[in-house]
Amino acid sequence: MSVALANDCGGCATGCNTAQLTRLGIKSDGFDYIIALAGNPNTGKSTIFNKLTGLHQHVGNWAGKTVARAEGAFNLNNKKFKIVDLPGTYSLLSTSVDEEIARDFVLFGKPDVTIVVADATRLERNLNLVLQILEITDRVVVAVNLMDEAKRNDLTVDERALSRDLGVPVIPMTARRGEGVNELLNAVEKVAGGGYAARPHRIKYSDEKIENAVQTLAKQLNETFENLPNARWVALRLLEGDESIIRAVREQTLGNLKQSRGFPQLVQLEV
C-alpha cells in the first residue's frame, strides 16, 4: 500500500477548541462540558438522547450540510452539559456524509466525553465503532443498550469484563425503561471532570514497516498542522487510503486547521 501527497506551503496556526466547535456549528458558550452521542443506527441512541435532555433540545442542520443535527442540554451537580446527537454510523471511515460529520466532530470538536451507544444483542458488530472512537479519544463512555432484548435472547453481557478490556466505563442500559440512565450520567460526569483514569484499548501493529510508516506520517502531520488533535489516527487513515483525509491534507483543509509550515512536497510511503 502506498500514499503520495503533494502540498503547497500554508500559513500561521490559529484556533482553539471553541473555534473548532463554532466551525462545526456548535455554540459552547454557557456550558461547562460538551458531550457527543455516537452509535450505530437502531441502537436506541435517540431514546437515550431524549432521556438525558427531556424538553431541553432543538434540531437544526450541520454547518454546510443538509443532515439534521439534534442538540440538547442537562444540568448535573451544578454543571451545564450540552449534548450533540451525531448521525448514526457504523464506522468513522468517511464513506458517507454522516460518517464524515461524526468523524470530524469527535476528532476536531474534541468533545469532553463521547458516549457510544451499542446494541447488547449485536455487540460484536457495534464494537467496531467503539474501537475506532477509542483510537481518537480516551474520553469515552460505552452505553450498552437494549439489555432487555439481550436477556430475552439468552445473551449475557459482562460489563465489568468489557470495561476492563476497553479501558473505559461500560454502562448496561434499557433506556426506554429508564434503566441505567443515572449510572450513565454519573460515568459521564466522572469522565468529563477527569475523575476516571482511562486506559483505552488501541491496536498495536506488530509489523515494523506499518508502525514506522504511521510514526513518520504522524510526525510530519504534527509539524505541519498545529493543534491537530490526533495525528496518529489521521496517519492511519492516510495509509488506509481514506480519500476525504487525503484530499483534506492535499488541499490544506484538514479540519480547517492552519498550517504552521508546508507539508513535504512529496511523501511516498511503501508498506
Protein backbone atom coordinates (compact mmCIF):
# COMPACT_ATOMS: atom_id res chain seq x y z
CA MET A 1 0.00 0.00 0.00
CA SER A 2 1.30 3.45 -0.81
CA VAL A 3 0.38 7.05 -0.05
CA ALA A 4 1.54 10.01 -2.12
CA LEU A 5 0.72 13.56 -1.04
CA ALA A 6 1.66 16.84 -2.70
CA ASN A 7 1.14 20.16 -0.93
CA ASP A 8 1.97 23.84 -1.03
CA CYS A 9 3.05 25.84 1.97
CA GLY A 10 0.49 27.09 4.44
CA GLY A 11 0.07 29.99 6.82
CA CYS A 12 0.05 30.50 10.56
CA ALA A 13 -1.59 28.46 13.28
CA THR A 14 -4.74 29.60 14.94
CA GLY A 15 -7.80 28.49 16.82
CA CYS A 16 -8.79 26.55 19.88
CA ASN A 17 -11.49 24.06 20.66
CA THR A 18 -14.15 26.78 20.79
CA ALA A 19 -13.21 27.89 17.30
CA GLN A 20 -13.44 24.33 16.01
CA LEU A 21 -16.85 23.83 17.62
CA THR A 22 -18.06 27.08 16.08
CA ARG A 23 -16.85 25.93 12.67
CA LEU A 24 -18.84 22.74 13.17
CA GLY A 25 -21.90 24.83 14.02
CA ILE A 26 -21.91 24.22 17.78
CA LYS A 27 -22.22 27.06 20.30
CA SER A 28 -20.44 26.16 23.53
CA ASP A 29 -20.91 29.45 25.40
CA GLY A 30 -22.50 28.99 28.80
CA PHE A 31 -21.78 25.27 29.04
CA ASP A 32 -19.23 23.52 31.21
CA TYR A 33 -18.96 20.40 29.07
CA ILE A 34 -19.74 19.29 25.51
CA ILE A 35 -20.90 15.70 25.07
CA ALA A 36 -21.08 13.77 21.79
CA LEU A 37 -23.58 10.93 21.39
CA ALA A 38 -22.48 8.36 18.82
CA GLY A 39 -23.58 4.88 17.81
CA ASN A 40 -24.78 2.57 15.09
CA PRO A 41 -28.29 3.12 13.71
CA ASN A 42 -31.11 1.39 15.63
CA THR A 43 -29.27 1.11 18.93
CA GLY A 44 -31.70 3.32 20.87
CA LYS A 45 -29.42 6.35 20.64
CA SER A 46 -32.35 8.74 20.21
CA THR A 47 -34.08 7.26 23.23
CA ILE A 48 -31.02 7.92 25.38
CA PHE A 49 -30.79 11.45 23.98
CA ASN A 50 -34.41 12.10 24.93
CA LYS A 51 -33.96 10.62 28.41
CA LEU A 52 -30.96 12.85 29.09
CA THR A 53 -32.35 16.08 27.67
CA GLY A 54 -36.12 15.91 28.11
CA LEU A 55 -37.63 19.02 26.51
CA HIS A 56 -34.33 20.91 26.53
CA GLN A 57 -33.41 20.19 22.92
CA HIS A 58 -33.64 21.61 19.42
CA VAL A 59 -32.96 20.48 15.88
CA GLY A 60 -31.03 22.24 13.12
CA ASN A 61 -28.63 21.30 10.33
CA TRP A 62 -24.91 20.66 10.45
CA ALA A 63 -22.94 23.61 9.10
CA GLY A 64 -22.86 23.42 5.31
CA LYS A 65 -24.80 20.13 5.28
CA THR A 66 -28.39 19.06 4.78
CA VAL A 67 -28.05 16.48 7.56
CA ALA A 68 -30.17 17.21 10.64
CA ARG A 69 -28.42 17.85 13.95
CA ALA A 70 -30.10 17.47 17.34
CA GLU A 71 -28.71 19.29 20.37
CA GLY A 72 -29.88 19.14 23.96
CA ALA A 73 -28.84 20.14 27.44
CA PHE A 74 -28.98 18.92 31.01
CA ASN A 75 -27.71 20.04 34.39
CA LEU A 76 -25.90 17.78 36.81
CA ASN A 77 -24.39 18.79 40.15
CA ASN A 78 -24.35 22.49 39.22
CA LYS A 79 -22.65 21.82 35.87
CA LYS A 80 -24.22 22.51 32.48
CA PHE A 81 -23.82 19.88 29.78
CA LYS A 82 -24.57 20.28 26.09
CA ILE A 83 -25.09 17.01 24.25
CA VAL A 84 -24.87 16.69 20.46
CA ASP A 85 -26.53 13.71 18.80
CA LEU A 86 -24.26 12.60 15.96
CA PRO A 87 -25.64 10.83 12.89
CA GLY A 88 -25.94 7.07 13.34
CA THR A 89 -22.92 5.41 11.69
CA TYR A 90 -21.26 2.02 11.51
CA SER A 91 -17.75 3.47 11.26
CA LEU A 92 -15.71 6.68 11.03
CA LEU A 93 -14.14 5.86 7.68
CA SER A 94 -16.00 8.75 5.99
CA THR A 95 -17.57 6.76 3.15
CA SER A 96 -20.71 8.85 3.65
CA VAL A 97 -21.62 12.37 4.76
CA ASP A 98 -22.94 11.02 8.07
CA GLU A 99 -19.65 9.26 8.81
CA GLU A 100 -17.66 12.34 7.89
CA ILE A 101 -19.74 14.51 10.23
CA ALA A 102 -19.33 12.08 13.12
CA ARG A 103 -15.59 11.73 12.48
CA ASP A 104 -14.97 15.47 12.26
CA PHE A 105 -16.90 16.19 15.44
CA VAL A 106 -15.10 13.56 17.53
CA LEU A 107 -11.68 14.39 16.07
CA PHE A 108 -11.76 18.17 15.67
CA GLY A 109 -14.60 19.17 18.00
CA LYS A 110 -12.82 17.32 20.82
CA PRO A 111 -15.93 16.79 23.00
CA ASP A 112 -15.30 16.40 26.72
CA VAL A 113 -16.99 13.00 26.58
CA THR A 114 -18.19 10.79 23.73
CA ILE A 115 -20.99 8.40 24.67
CA VAL A 116 -21.00 5.44 22.28
CA VAL A 117 -24.29 3.53 22.28
CA ALA A 118 -24.05 -0.17 21.44
CA ASP A 119 -26.77 -2.78 20.94
CA ALA A 120 -26.40 -5.56 23.53
CA THR A 121 -27.83 -8.08 21.02
CA ARG A 122 -25.28 -7.17 18.33
CA LEU A 123 -22.34 -6.21 20.48
CA GLU A 124 -19.56 -7.65 18.33
CA ARG A 125 -20.67 -5.65 15.28
CA ASN A 126 -21.18 -2.48 17.32
CA LEU A 127 -17.72 -2.67 18.91
CA ASN A 128 -16.20 -1.77 15.53
CA LEU A 129 -17.30 1.85 16.02
CA VAL A 130 -16.33 1.81 19.70
CA LEU A 131 -12.77 0.76 18.86
CA GLN A 132 -12.48 3.38 16.11
CA ILE A 133 -13.55 6.14 18.50
CA LEU A 134 -11.11 4.87 21.14
CA GLU A 135 -8.35 5.35 18.56
CA ILE A 136 -9.21 9.07 18.58
CA THR A 137 -10.04 9.80 22.21
CA ASP A 138 -9.91 8.17 25.64
CA ARG A 139 -12.78 10.32 26.95
CA VAL A 140 -15.42 7.70 26.19
CA VAL A 141 -18.34 6.05 27.95
CA VAL A 142 -19.90 2.99 26.32
CA ALA A 143 -23.66 2.61 26.85
CA VAL A 144 -24.70 -0.99 26.16
CA ASN A 145 -28.39 -0.53 25.45
CA LEU A 146 -31.26 -2.97 24.86
CA MET A 147 -30.23 -5.21 27.72
CA ASP A 148 -33.84 -6.41 27.98
CA GLU A 149 -33.67 -7.68 24.40
CA ALA A 150 -30.40 -9.42 25.14
CA LYS A 151 -31.92 -11.16 28.16
CA ARG A 152 -34.92 -12.22 26.07
CA ASN A 153 -32.48 -13.85 23.65
CA ASP A 154 -30.50 -15.54 26.45
CA LEU A 155 -27.50 -13.27 25.91
CA THR A 156 -25.37 -12.10 28.81
CA VAL A 157 -23.08 -9.06 28.78
CA ASP A 158 -20.31 -8.93 31.38
CA GLU A 159 -19.99 -5.15 31.58
CA ARG A 160 -17.15 -5.29 34.11
CA ALA A 161 -15.01 -7.50 31.89
CA LEU A 162 -15.87 -5.39 28.86
CA SER A 163 -14.94 -2.21 30.73
CA ARG A 164 -11.64 -3.78 31.75
CA ASP A 165 -10.88 -4.84 28.17
CA LEU A 166 -11.87 -1.50 26.60
CA GLY A 167 -10.34 0.63 29.37
CA VAL A 168 -13.36 2.94 29.67
CA PRO A 169 -16.66 2.87 31.62
CA VAL A 170 -19.32 0.50 30.27
CA ILE A 171 -22.91 1.05 31.40
CA PRO A 172 -25.65 -1.57 30.80
CA MET A 173 -28.96 0.08 29.92
CA THR A 174 -32.57 -0.43 28.94
CA ALA A 175 -33.10 3.21 28.05
CA ARG A 176 -36.79 3.01 27.16
CA ARG A 177 -37.48 1.97 30.75
CA GLY A 178 -35.03 4.49 32.17
CA GLU A 179 -32.74 1.73 33.44
CA GLY A 180 -29.09 2.75 33.58
CA VAL A 181 -29.71 6.46 32.93
CA ASN A 182 -28.45 7.60 36.36
CA GLU A 183 -25.42 5.34 36.08
CA LEU A 184 -24.68 6.78 32.64
CA LEU A 185 -24.90 10.33 33.98
CA ASN A 186 -22.52 9.50 36.83
CA ALA A 187 -20.00 7.96 34.42
CA VAL A 188 -20.21 10.96 32.07
CA GLU A 189 -19.65 13.38 34.92
CA LYS A 190 -16.66 11.41 36.16
CA VAL A 191 -15.01 11.21 32.74
CA ALA A 192 -15.74 14.88 31.95
CA GLY A 193 -14.25 16.01 35.25
CA GLY A 194 -11.13 13.87 34.90
CA GLY A 195 -12.13 11.51 37.69
CA TYR A 196 -11.72 8.35 35.61
CA ALA A 197 -8.30 7.08 34.61
CA ALA A 198 -8.99 5.65 31.17
CA ARG A 199 -6.73 3.06 29.58
CA PRO A 200 -8.30 2.78 26.13
CA HIS A 201 -7.74 -0.33 24.08
CA ARG A 202 -5.78 0.55 20.96
CA ILE A 203 -4.49 -1.63 18.20
CA LYS A 204 -0.77 -2.28 18.28
CA TYR A 205 0.87 -3.15 14.99
CA SER A 206 3.49 -5.85 15.13
CA ASP A 207 4.56 -5.16 11.54
CA GLU A 208 7.56 -2.84 11.82
CA LYS A 209 7.01 -1.33 8.36
CA ILE A 210 3.46 -0.28 9.20
CA GLU A 211 4.44 1.16 12.56
CA ASN A 212 7.35 3.09 11.03
CA ALA A 213 5.08 4.46 8.30
CA VAL A 214 2.50 5.56 10.88
CA GLN A 215 5.13 7.28 13.02
CA THR A 216 6.72 9.02 10.02
CA LEU A 217 3.41 10.38 8.76
CA ALA A 218 2.26 11.39 12.25
CA LYS A 219 5.46 13.35 12.81
CA GLN A 220 5.06 15.21 9.52
CA LEU A 221 1.39 15.94 10.25
CA ASN A 222 2.21 17.33 13.69
CA GLU A 223 4.90 19.54 12.20
CA THR A 224 2.50 20.77 9.52
CA PHE A 225 -0.86 21.23 11.23
CA GLU A 226 -0.75 22.94 14.61
CA ASN A 227 -3.39 21.82 17.11
CA LEU A 228 -4.08 18.60 15.20
CA PRO A 229 -5.82 16.53 17.90
CA ASN A 230 -4.65 13.05 16.87
CA ALA A 231 -2.01 12.86 14.17
CA ARG A 232 -1.60 9.11 14.59
CA TRP A 233 -5.24 8.47 13.74
CA VAL A 234 -5.03 10.74 10.70
CA ALA A 235 -1.87 8.92 9.61
CA LEU A 236 -3.68 5.58 9.84
CA ARG A 237 -6.49 6.92 7.68
CA LEU A 238 -3.96 8.14 5.11
CA LEU A 239 -2.34 4.72 4.95
CA GLU A 240 -5.74 3.08 4.55
CA GLY A 241 -6.46 5.32 1.58
CA ASP A 242 -9.23 7.44 3.10
CA GLU A 243 -9.93 9.74 0.15
CA SER A 244 -11.52 12.52 2.22
CA ILE A 245 -8.49 12.71 4.54
CA ILE A 246 -6.02 12.55 1.64
CA ARG A 247 -7.92 15.35 -0.12
CA ALA A 248 -8.05 17.46 3.05
CA VAL A 249 -4.28 17.17 3.52
CA ARG A 250 -3.57 17.93 -0.14
CA GLU A 251 -5.87 20.96 -0.11
CA GLN A 252 -4.65 22.08 3.33
CA THR A 253 -8.20 21.96 4.71
CA LEU A 254 -7.73 19.25 7.32
CA GLY A 255 -10.24 20.28 9.97
CA ASN A 256 -9.70 23.81 8.64
CA LEU A 257 -6.54 23.91 10.78
CA LYS A 258 -3.99 26.39 9.51
CA GLN A 259 -0.60 25.05 8.61
CA SER A 260 2.43 26.10 10.61
CA ARG A 261 4.73 25.05 7.77
CA GLY A 262 4.48 23.39 4.42
CA PHE A 263 3.93 19.66 4.12
CA PRO A 264 6.79 17.99 2.22
CA GLN A 265 6.27 18.41 -1.50
CA LEU A 266 6.01 14.67 -1.95
CA VAL A 267 5.59 11.98 0.66
CA GLN A 268 5.87 8.43 -0.65
CA LEU A 269 5.49 5.59 1.81
CA GLU A 270 5.54 1.97 0.73
CA VAL A 271 4.01 -0.56 3.13
